[in-house]
Amino acid sequence: MNPITVSFQVLPGGLPDKKTTYNAVDAAIAVVVQSGLRYMVNPMETTLEGEYDQVMAVIKAAQQAVLAAGASTVFTSIKIDNDPAGSTIDEKIGKYSR
């Protein structure tokens, strides 16, 4: 199966301060890092590359990590590029890499 690219953002809710919120986001990013999928962390979202079911499983686990880190809710925004021919991070931004 050809890869897709997905950008997502998890927004923890119900946390008392910015530090605690960042810790919850760090827990989500740790899930991404441990997934073994290609990824890019950006200031406002994370982009993943992989097979559809793999990517969605990582996003689900990232949401669960945010809740386990103390958030009472998590809002997740997801953007999917599901091209049957495949979709990669490099094709989108490779020309900008240094």
PDB file of N, CA and C in Angstrom:
ATOM      1  N   MET A   1       0.848  -1.180   0.000  1.00  0.00           N
ATOM      2  CA  MET A   1       0.000   0.000   0.000  1.00  0.00           C
ATOM      3  C   MET A   1       0.894   1.244   0.000  1.00  0.00           C
ATOM      4  N   ASN A   2       0.515   2.252  -0.732  1.00  0.00           N
ATOM      5  CA  ASN A   2       1.280   3.482  -0.802  1.00  0.00           C
ATOM      6  C   ASN A   2       1.082   4.320   0.454  1.00  0.00           C
ATOM      7  N   PRO A   3       2.119   5.084   0.826  1.00  0.00           N
ATOM      8  CA  PRO A   3       2.003   5.889   2.051  1.00  0.00           C
ATOM      9  C   PRO A   3       1.082   7.089   1.859  1.00  0.00           C
ATOM     10  N   ILE A   4       0.573   7.553   2.989  1.00  0.00           N
ATOM     11  CA  ILE A   4      -0.173   8.804   3.038  1.00  0.00           C
ATOM     12  C   ILE A   4       0.602   9.761   3.940  1.00  0.00           C
ATOM     13  N   THR A   5       0.283  11.035   3.852  1.00  0.00           N
ATOM     14  CA  THR A   5       0.795  11.990   4.832  1.00  0.00           C
ATOM     15  C   THR A   5      -0.383  12.584   5.588  1.00  0.00           C
ATOM     16  N   VAL A   6      -0.169  12.733   6.875  1.00  0.00           N
ATOM     17  CA  VAL A   6      -1.207  13.262   7.757  1.00  0.00           C
ATOM     18  C   VAL A   6      -0.559  14.273   8.694  1.00  0.00           C
ATOM     19  N   SER A   7      -1.153  15.434   8.802  1.00  0.00           N
ATOM     20  CA  SER A   7      -0.744  16.404   9.816  1.00  0.00           C
ATOM     21  C   SER A   7      -1.836  16.445  10.873  1.00  0.00           C
ATOM     22  N   PHE A   8      -1.410  16.429  12.125  1.00  0.00           N
ATOM     23  CA  PHE A   8      -2.407  16.477  13.186  1.00  0.00           C
ATOM     24  C   PHE A   8      -1.913  17.324  14.349  1.00  0.00           C
ATOM     25  N   GLN A   9      -2.877  17.777  15.111  1.00  0.00           N
ATOM     26  CA  GLN A   9      -2.622  18.613  16.272  1.00  0.00           C
ATOM     27  C   GLN A   9      -3.507  18.113  17.396  1.00  0.00           C
ATOM     28  N   VAL A  10      -2.911  17.855  18.547  1.00  0.00           N
ATOM     29  CA  VAL A  10      -3.701  17.510  19.729  1.00  0.00           C
ATOM     30  C   VAL A  10      -3.717  18.717  20.659  1.00  0.00           C
ATOM     31  N   LEU A  11      -4.892  19.046  21.147  1.00  0.00           N
ATOM     32  CA  LEU A  11      -5.067  20.187  22.039  1.00  0.00           C
ATOM     33  C   LEU A  11      -5.638  19.680  23.365  1.00  0.00           C
ATOM     34  N   PRO A  12      -4.786  19.544  24.378  1.00  0.00           N
ATOM     35  CA  PRO A  12      -5.253  19.069  25.680  1.00  0.00           C
ATOM     36  C   PRO A  12      -6.157  20.097  26.345  1.00  0.00           C
ATOM     37  N   GLY A  13      -7.176  19.623  26.992  1.00  0.00           N
ATOM     38  CA  GLY A  13      -8.069  20.512  27.726  1.00  0.00           C
ATOM     39  C   GLY A  13      -8.085  20.183  29.205  1.00  0.00           C
ATOM     40  N   GLY A  14      -8.448  21.173  30.002  1.00  0.00           N
ATOM     41  CA  GLY A  14      -8.645  20.958  31.431  1.00  0.00           C
ATOM     42  C   GLY A  14      -7.365  20.933  32.245  1.00  0.00           C
ATOM     43  N   LEU A  15      -6.269  21.429  31.695  1.00  0.00           N
ATOM     44  CA  LEU A  15      -5.012  21.446  32.442  1.00  0.00           C
ATOM     45  C   LEU A  15      -4.791  22.824  33.048  1.00  0.00           C
ATOM     46  N   PRO A  16      -4.093  22.892  34.190  1.00  0.00           N
ATOM     47  CA  PRO A  16      -4.043  24.142  34.945  1.00  0.00           C
ATOM     48  C   PRO A  16      -3.127  25.233  34.394  1.00  0.00           C
ATOM     49  N   ASP A  17      -2.122  24.851  33.592  1.00  0.00           N
ATOM     50  CA  ASP A  17      -1.183  25.875  33.143  1.00  0.00           C
ATOM     51  C   ASP A  17      -0.461  25.431  31.872  1.00  0.00           C
ATOM     52  N   LYS A  18       0.320  26.353  31.314  1.00  0.00           N
ATOM     53  CA  LYS A  18       1.028  26.100  30.064  1.00  0.00           C
ATOM     54  C   LYS A  18       2.036  24.958  30.195  1.00  0.00           C
ATOM     55  N   LYS A  19       2.756  24.901  31.315  1.00  0.00           N
ATOM     56  CA  LYS A  19       3.757  23.850  31.503  1.00  0.00           C
ATOM     57  C   LYS A  19       3.106  22.464  31.481  1.00  0.00           C
ATOM     58  N   THR A  20       2.012  22.311  32.166  1.00  0.00           N
ATOM     59  CA  THR A  20       1.306  21.037  32.206  1.00  0.00           C
ATOM     60  C   THR A  20       0.758  20.687  30.821  1.00  0.00           C
ATOM     61  N   THR A  21       0.289  21.688  30.108  1.00  0.00           N
ATOM     62  CA  THR A  21      -0.215  21.479  28.750  1.00  0.00           C
ATOM     63  C   THR A  21       0.913  21.015  27.839  1.00  0.00           C
ATOM     64  N   TYR A  22       2.065  21.678  27.913  1.00  0.00           N
ATOM     65  CA  TYR A  22       3.210  21.270  27.090  1.00  0.00           C
ATOM     66  C   TYR A  22       3.663  19.848  27.445  1.00  0.00           C
ATOM     67  N   ASN A  23       3.607  19.490  28.715  1.00  0.00           N
ATOM     68  CA  ASN A  23       3.970  18.124  29.116  1.00  0.00           C
ATOM     69  C   ASN A  23       3.041  17.097  28.478  1.00  0.00           C
ATOM     70  N   ALA A  24       1.759  17.426  28.390  1.00  0.00           N
ATOM     71  CA  ALA A  24       0.795  16.517  27.753  1.00  0.00           C
ATOM     72  C   ALA A  24       1.085  16.398  26.260  1.00  0.00           C
ATOM     73  N   VAL A  25       1.419  17.512  25.616  1.00  0.00           N
ATOM     74  CA  VAL A  25       1.774  17.474  24.201  1.00  0.00           C
ATOM     75  C   VAL A  25       3.059  16.676  24.009  1.00  0.00           C
ATOM     76  N   ASP A  26       4.016  16.836  24.915  1.00  0.00           N
ATOM     77  CA  ASP A  26       5.253  16.048  24.849  1.00  0.00           C
ATOM     78  C   ASP A  26       4.963  14.552  24.916  1.00  0.00           C
ATOM     79  N   ALA A  27       3.976  14.168  25.703  1.00  0.00           N
ATOM     80  CA  ALA A  27       3.595  12.753  25.787  1.00  0.00           C
ATOM     81  C   ALA A  27       3.070  12.251  24.445  1.00  0.00           C
ATOM     82  N   ALA A  28       2.308  13.097  23.750  1.00  0.00           N
ATOM     83  CA  ALA A  28       1.807  12.731  22.424  1.00  0.00           C
ATOM     84  C   ALA A  28       2.957  12.603  21.429  1.00  0.00           C
ATOM     85  N   ILE A  29       3.899  13.533  21.491  1.00  0.00           N
ATOM     86  CA  ILE A  29       5.041  13.489  20.579  1.00  0.00           C
ATOM     87  C   ILE A  29       5.897  12.258  20.845  1.00  0.00           C
ATOM     88  N   ALA A  30       6.023  11.855  22.098  1.00  0.00           N
ATOM     89  CA  ALA A  30       6.777  10.641  22.424  1.00  0.00           C
ATOM     90  C   ALA A  30       6.165   9.419  21.734  1.00  0.00           C
ATOM     91  N   VAL A  31       4.854   9.369  21.663  1.00  0.00           N
ATOM     92  CA  VAL A  31       4.173   8.273  20.957  1.00  0.00           C
ATOM     93  C   VAL A  31       4.571   8.273  19.487  1.00  0.00           C
ATOM     94  N   VAL A  32       4.604   9.455  18.886  1.00  0.00           N
ATOM     95  CA  VAL A  32       4.986   9.590  17.477  1.00  0.00           C
ATOM     96  C   VAL A  32       6.418   9.094  17.273  1.00  0.00           C
ATOM     97  N   VAL A  33       7.321   9.541  18.119  1.00  0.00           N
ATOM     98  CA  VAL A  33       8.737   9.156  18.003  1.00  0.00           C
ATOM     99  C   VAL A  33       8.886   7.637  18.120  1.00  0.00           C
ATOM    100  N   GLN A  34       8.180   7.047  19.060  1.00  0.00           N
ATOM    101  CA  GLN A  34       8.281   5.606  19.299  1.00  0.00           C
ATOM    102  C   GLN A  34       7.599   4.770  18.225  1.00  0.00           C
ATOM    103  N   SER A  35       6.792   5.405  17.379  1.00  0.00           N
ATOM    104  CA  SER A  35       6.026   4.659  16.370  1.00  0.00           C
ATOM    105  C   SER A  35       6.899   4.060  15.273  1.00  0.00           C
ATOM    106  N   GLY A  36       8.049   4.660  15.031  1.00  0.00           N
ATOM    107  CA  GLY A  36       8.900   4.194  13.940  1.00  0.00           C
ATOM    108  C   GLY A  36       8.518   4.763  12.583  1.00  0.00           C
ATOM    109  N   LEU A  37       7.421   5.523  12.520  1.00  0.00           N
ATOM    110  CA  LEU A  37       7.013   6.145  11.261  1.00  0.00           C
ATOM    111  C   LEU A  37       7.837   7.408  11.016  1.00  0.00           C
ATOM    112  N   ARG A  38       7.939   7.789   9.769  1.00  0.00           N
ATOM    113  CA  ARG A  38       8.592   9.055   9.437  1.00  0.00           C
ATOM    114  C   ARG A  38       7.697  10.179   9.944  1.00  0.00           C
ATOM    115  N   TYR A  39       8.307  11.205  10.544  1.00  0.00           N
ATOM    116  CA  TYR A  39       7.524  12.305  11.108  1.00  0.00           C
ATOM    117  C   TYR A  39       8.330  13.596  11.085  1.00  0.00           C
ATOM    118  N   MET A  40       7.610  14.684  11.218  1.00  0.00           N
ATOM    119  CA  MET A  40       8.179  16.019  11.410  1.00  0.00           C
ATOM    120  C   MET A  40       7.350  16.729  12.468  1.00  0.00           C
ATOM    121  N   VAL A  41       8.008  17.186  13.517  1.00  0.00           N
ATOM    122  CA  VAL A  41       7.329  17.967  14.547  1.00  0.00           C
ATOM    123  C   VAL A  41       7.515  19.443  14.197  1.00  0.00           C
ATOM    124  N   ASN A  42       6.424  20.163  14.185  1.00  0.00           N
ATOM    125  CA  ASN A  42       6.417  21.593  13.906  1.00  0.00           C
ATOM    126  C   ASN A  42       5.801  22.315  15.100  1.00  0.00           C
ATOM    127  N   PRO A  43       5.909  23.629  15.166  1.00  0.00           N
ATOM    128  CA  PRO A  43       5.389  24.345  16.335  1.00  0.00           C
ATOM    129  C   PRO A  43       3.890  24.151  16.579  1.00  0.00           C
ATOM    130  N   MET A  44       3.109  23.942  15.513  1.00  0.00           N
ATOM    131  CA  MET A  44       1.659  23.893  15.678  1.00  0.00           C
ATOM    132  C   MET A  44       1.023  22.554  15.322  1.00  0.00           C
ATOM    133  N   GLU A  45       1.817  21.622  14.746  1.00  0.00           N
ATOM    134  CA  GLU A  45       1.275  20.314  14.377  1.00  0.00           C
ATOM    135  C   GLU A  45       2.420  19.363  14.094  1.00  0.00           C
ATOM    136  N   THR A  46       2.089  18.103  13.966  1.00  0.00           N
ATOM    137  CA  THR A  46       3.057  17.063  13.620  1.00  0.00           C
ATOM    138  C   THR A  46       2.582  16.382  12.349  1.00  0.00           C
ATOM    139  N   THR A  47       3.524  16.089  11.451  1.00  0.00           N
ATOM    140  CA  THR A  47       3.200  15.403  10.204  1.00  0.00           C
ATOM    141  C   THR A  47       3.772  13.999  10.252  1.00  0.00           C
ATOM    142  N   LEU A  48       2.958  13.035   9.874  1.00  0.00           N
ATOM    143  CA  LEU A  48       3.343  11.624   9.815  1.00  0.00           C
ATOM    144  C   LEU A  48       3.260  11.112   8.391  1.00  0.00           C
ATOM    145  N   GLU A  49       4.068  10.115   8.091  1.00  0.00           N
ATOM    146  CA  GLU A  49       4.019   9.437   6.797  1.00  0.00           C
ATOM    147  C   GLU A  49       3.986   7.935   7.065  1.00  0.00           C
ATOM    148  N   GLY A  50       3.051   7.248   6.429  1.00  0.00           N
ATOM    149  CA  GLY A  50       2.956   5.804   6.607  1.00  0.00           C
ATOM    150  C   GLY A  50       1.670   5.280   6.013  1.00  0.00           C
ATOM    151  N   GLU A  51       1.401   4.015   6.262  1.00  0.00           N
ATOM    152  CA  GLU A  51       0.157   3.425   5.794  1.00  0.00           C
ATOM    153  C   GLU A  51      -0.999   3.967   6.645  1.00  0.00           C
ATOM    154  N   TYR A  52      -2.155   4.073   6.017  1.00  0.00           N
ATOM    155  CA  TYR A  52      -3.322   4.708   6.649  1.00  0.00           C
ATOM    156  C   TYR A  52      -3.587   4.172   8.059  1.00  0.00           C
ATOM    157  N   ASP A  53      -3.719   2.867   8.200  1.00  0.00           N
ATOM    158  CA  ASP A  53      -4.061   2.298   9.506  1.00  0.00           C
ATOM    159  C   ASP A  53      -2.966   2.543  10.540  1.00  0.00           C
ATOM    160  N   GLN A  54      -1.708   2.507  10.111  1.00  0.00           N
ATOM    161  CA  GLN A  54      -0.604   2.782  11.031  1.00  0.00           C
ATOM    162  C   GLN A  54      -0.678   4.210  11.555  1.00  0.00           C
ATOM    163  N   VAL A  55      -0.866   5.148  10.644  1.00  0.00           N
ATOM    164  CA  VAL A  55      -0.909   6.562  11.013  1.00  0.00           C
ATOM    165  C   VAL A  55      -2.078   6.827  11.963  1.00  0.00           C
ATOM    166  N   MET A  56      -3.234   6.280  11.653  1.00  0.00           N
ATOM    167  CA  MET A  56      -4.403   6.509  12.508  1.00  0.00           C
ATOM    168  C   MET A  56      -4.221   5.879  13.891  1.00  0.00           C
ATOM    169  N   ALA A  57      -3.537   4.745  13.954  1.00  0.00           N
ATOM    170  CA  ALA A  57      -3.263   4.116  15.248  1.00  0.00           C
ATOM    171  C   ALA A  57      -2.333   4.991  16.092  1.00  0.00           C
ATOM    172  N   VAL A  58      -1.374   5.632  15.459  1.00  0.00           N
ATOM    173  CA  VAL A  58      -0.467   6.535  16.180  1.00  0.00           C
ATOM    174  C   VAL A  58      -1.247   7.736  16.709  1.00  0.00           C
ATOM    175  N   ILE A  59      -2.125   8.290  15.905  1.00  0.00           N
ATOM    176  CA  ILE A  59      -2.914   9.446  16.354  1.00  0.00           C
ATOM    177  C   ILE A  59      -3.804   9.049  17.534  1.00  0.00           C
ATOM    178  N   LYS A  60      -4.416   7.895  17.457  1.00  0.00           N
ATOM    179  CA  LYS A  60      -5.250   7.419  18.570  1.00  0.00           C
ATOM    180  C   LYS A  60      -4.411   7.258  19.837  1.00  0.00           C
ATOM    181  N   ALA A  61      -3.224   6.667  19.700  1.00  0.00           N
ATOM    182  CA  ALA A  61      -2.343   6.485  20.857  1.00  0.00           C
ATOM    183  C   ALA A  61      -1.869   7.834  21.399  1.00  0.00           C
ATOM    184  N   ALA A  62      -1.641   8.799  20.523  1.00  0.00           N
ATOM    185  CA  ALA A  62      -1.238  10.135  20.965  1.00  0.00           C
ATOM    186  C   ALA A  62      -2.351  10.800  21.780  1.00  0.00           C
ATOM    187  N   GLN A  63      -3.591  10.627  21.339  1.00  0.00           N
ATOM    188  CA  GLN A  63      -4.719  11.159  22.101  1.00  0.00           C
ATOM    189  C   GLN A  63      -4.782  10.507  23.484  1.00  0.00           C
ATOM    190  N   GLN A  64      -4.608   9.202  23.530  1.00  0.00           N
ATOM    191  CA  GLN A  64      -4.650   8.487  24.802  1.00  0.00           C
ATOM    192  C   GLN A  64      -3.516   8.934  25.722  1.00  0.00           C
ATOM    193  N   ALA A  65      -2.349   9.234  25.149  1.00  0.00           N
ATOM    194  CA  ALA A  65      -1.215   9.709  25.948  1.00  0.00           C
ATOM    195  C   ALA A  65      -1.513  11.068  26.569  1.00  0.00           C
ATOM    196  N   VAL A  66      -2.199  11.933  25.831  1.00  0.00           N
ATOM    197  CA  VAL A  66      -2.576  13.250  26.356  1.00  0.00           C
ATOM    198  C   VAL A  66      -3.532  13.081  27.531  1.00  0.00           C
ATOM    199  N   LEU A  67      -4.494  12.203  27.395  1.00  0.00           N
ATOM    200  CA  LEU A  67      -5.431  11.955  28.495  1.00  0.00           C
ATOM    201  C   LEU A  67      -4.706  11.338  29.695  1.00  0.00           C
ATOM    202  N   ALA A  68      -3.795  10.407  29.441  1.00  0.00           N
ATOM    203  CA  ALA A  68      -3.034   9.778  30.523  1.00  0.00           C
ATOM    204  C   ALA A  68      -2.131  10.795  31.232  1.00  0.00           C
ATOM    205  N   ALA A  69      -1.754  11.864  30.523  1.00  0.00           N
ATOM    206  CA  ALA A  69      -0.912  12.906  31.114  1.00  0.00           C
ATOM    207  C   ALA A  69      -1.727  13.900  31.945  1.00  0.00           C
ATOM    208  N   GLY A  70      -3.030  13.682  32.055  1.00  0.00           N
ATOM    209  CA  GLY A  70      -3.846  14.496  32.942  1.00  0.00           C
ATOM    210  C   GLY A  70      -4.887  15.380  32.294  1.00  0.00           C
ATOM    211  N   ALA A  71      -4.914  15.440  30.975  1.00  0.00           N
ATOM    212  CA  ALA A  71      -5.933  16.261  30.316  1.00  0.00           C
ATOM    213  C   ALA A  71      -7.311  15.641  30.550  1.00  0.00           C
ATOM    214  N   SER A  72      -8.301  16.481  30.729  1.00  0.00           N
ATOM    215  CA  SER A  72      -9.662  15.954  30.903  1.00  0.00           C
ATOM    216  C   SER A  72     -10.339  15.734  29.550  1.00  0.00           C
ATOM    217  N   THR A  73      -9.848  16.433  28.527  1.00  0.00           N
ATOM    218  CA  THR A  73     -10.351  16.267  27.167  1.00  0.00           C
ATOM    219  C   THR A  73      -9.184  16.455  26.205  1.00  0.00           C
ATOM    220  N   VAL A  74      -9.385  15.993  24.976  1.00  0.00           N
ATOM    221  CA  VAL A  74      -8.406  16.271  23.927  1.00  0.00           C
ATOM    222  C   VAL A  74      -9.163  16.517  22.634  1.00  0.00           C
ATOM    223  N   PHE A  75      -8.873  17.654  22.011  1.00  0.00           N
ATOM    224  CA  PHE A  75      -9.429  17.986  20.706  1.00  0.00           C
ATOM    225  C   PHE A  75      -8.324  17.724  19.705  1.00  0.00           C
ATOM    226  N   THR A  76      -8.635  17.012  18.616  1.00  0.00           N
ATOM    227  CA  THR A  76      -7.630  16.676  17.620  1.00  0.00           C
ATOM    228  C   THR A  76      -8.071  17.152  16.249  1.00  0.00           C
ATOM    229  N   SER A  77      -7.192  17.896  15.608  1.00  0.00           N
ATOM    230  CA  SER A  77      -7.399  18.354  14.239  1.00  0.00           C
ATOM    231  C   SER A  77      -6.508  17.513  13.334  1.00  0.00           C
ATOM    232  N   ILE A  78      -7.094  16.962  12.258  1.00  0.00           N
ATOM    233  CA  ILE A  78      -6.363  16.059  11.371  1.00  0.00           C
ATOM    234  C   ILE A  78      -6.541  16.496   9.921  1.00  0.00           C
ATOM    235  N   LYS A  79      -5.419  16.559   9.179  1.00  0.00           N
ATOM    236  CA  LYS A  79      -5.428  16.819   7.739  1.00  0.00           C
ATOM    237  C   LYS A  79      -4.788  15.613   7.063  1.00  0.00           C
ATOM    238  N   ILE A  80      -5.475  15.023   6.081  1.00  0.00           N
ATOM    239  CA  ILE A  80      -5.017  13.790   5.433  1.00  0.00           C
ATOM    240  C   ILE A  80      -4.826  14.026   3.945  1.00  0.00           C
ATOM    241  N   ASP A  81      -3.653  13.626   3.440  1.00  0.00           N
ATOM    242  CA  ASP A  81      -3.420  13.567   1.998  1.00  0.00           C
ATOM    243  C   ASP A  81      -3.346  12.094   1.633  1.00  0.00           C
ATOM    244  N   ASN A  82      -4.456  11.561   1.160  1.00  0.00           N
ATOM    245  CA  ASN A  82      -4.573  10.138   0.827  1.00  0.00           C
ATOM    246  C   ASN A  82      -4.648  10.002  -0.689  1.00  0.00           C
ATOM    247  N   ASP A  83      -3.496  10.063  -1.330  1.00  0.00           N
ATOM    248  CA  ASP A  83      -3.382   9.956  -2.784  1.00  0.00           C
ATOM    249  C   ASP A  83      -3.138   8.486  -3.125  1.00  0.00           C
ATOM    250  N   PRO A  84      -3.959   7.853  -3.971  1.00  0.00           N
ATOM    251  CA  PRO A  84      -3.745   6.455  -4.319  1.00  0.00           C
ATOM    252  C   PRO A  84      -2.343   6.174  -4.874  1.00  0.00           C
ATOM    253  N   ALA A  85      -1.699   7.184  -5.458  1.00  0.00           N
ATOM    254  CA  ALA A  85      -0.342   7.014  -5.986  1.00  0.00           C
ATOM    255  C   ALA A  85       0.715   7.154  -4.886  1.00  0.00           C
ATOM    256  N   GLY A  86       0.288   7.556  -3.699  1.00  0.00           N
ATOM    257  CA  GLY A  86       1.212   7.756  -2.592  1.00  0.00           C
ATOM    258  C   GLY A  86       1.417   9.227  -2.308  1.00  0.00           C
ATOM    259  N   SER A  87       1.780   9.524  -1.085  1.00  0.00           N
ATOM    260  CA  SER A  87       1.993  10.897  -0.640  1.00  0.00           C
ATOM    261  C   SER A  87       3.114  10.872   0.385  1.00  0.00           C
ATOM    262  N   THR A  88       4.163  11.647   0.145  1.00  0.00           N
ATOM    263  CA  THR A  88       5.302  11.632   1.060  1.00  0.00           C
ATOM    264  C   THR A  88       5.656  13.041   1.529  1.00  0.00           C
ATOM    265  N   ILE A  89       6.353  13.082   2.629  1.00  0.00           N
ATOM    266  CA  ILE A  89       6.842  14.350   3.158  1.00  0.00           C
ATOM    267  C   ILE A  89       7.832  14.962   2.170  1.00  0.00           C
ATOM    268  N   ASP A  90       8.720  14.138   1.623  1.00  0.00           N
ATOM    269  CA  ASP A  90       9.744  14.648   0.705  1.00  0.00           C
ATOM    270  C   ASP A  90       9.152  15.309  -0.531  1.00  0.00           C
ATOM    271  N   GLU A  91       8.102  14.735  -1.095  1.00  0.00           N
ATOM    272  CA  GLU A  91       7.535  15.338  -2.300  1.00  0.00           C
ATOM    273  C   GLU A  91       6.953  16.721  -2.007  1.00  0.00           C
ATOM    274  N   LYS A  92       6.545  16.922  -0.776  1.00  0.00           N
ATOM    275  CA  LYS A  92       5.942  18.198  -0.407  1.00  0.00           C
ATOM    276  C   LYS A  92       6.978  19.264  -0.066  1.00  0.00           C
ATOM    277  N   ILE A  93       8.025  18.857   0.674  1.00  0.00           N
ATOM    278  CA  ILE A  93       8.963  19.883   1.151  1.00  0.00           C
ATOM    279  C   ILE A  93      10.425  19.546   0.885  1.00  0.00           C
ATOM    280  N   GLY A  94      10.716  18.483   0.179  1.00  0.00           N
ATOM    281  CA  GLY A  94      12.091  18.081  -0.079  1.00  0.00           C
ATOM    282  C   GLY A  94      12.939  19.191  -0.669  1.00  0.00           C
ATOM    283  N   LYS A  95      12.367  19.985  -1.520  1.00  0.00           N
ATOM    284  CA  LYS A  95      13.144  21.062  -2.149  1.00  0.00           C
ATOM    285  C   LYS A  95      13.535  22.162  -1.167  1.00  0.00           C
ATOM    286  N   TYR A  96      12.907  22.160   0.016  1.00  0.00           N
ATOM    287  CA  TYR A  96      13.231  23.164   1.023  1.00  0.00           C
ATOM    288  C   TYR A  96      14.235  22.664   2.040  1.00  0.00           C
ATOM    289  N   SER A  97      14.568  21.381   2.005  1.00  0.00           N
ATOM    290  CA  SER A  97      15.528  20.814   2.957  1.00  0.00           C
ATOM    291  C   SER A  97      16.924  21.329   2.646  1.00  0.00           C
ATOM    292  N   ARG A  98      17.670  21.525   3.698  1.00  0.00           N
ATOM    293  CA  ARG A  98      19.040  22.012   3.515  1.00  0.00           C
ATOM    294  C   ARG A  98      20.015  20.885   3.596  1.00  0.00           C
TER     295      ARG A  98
END
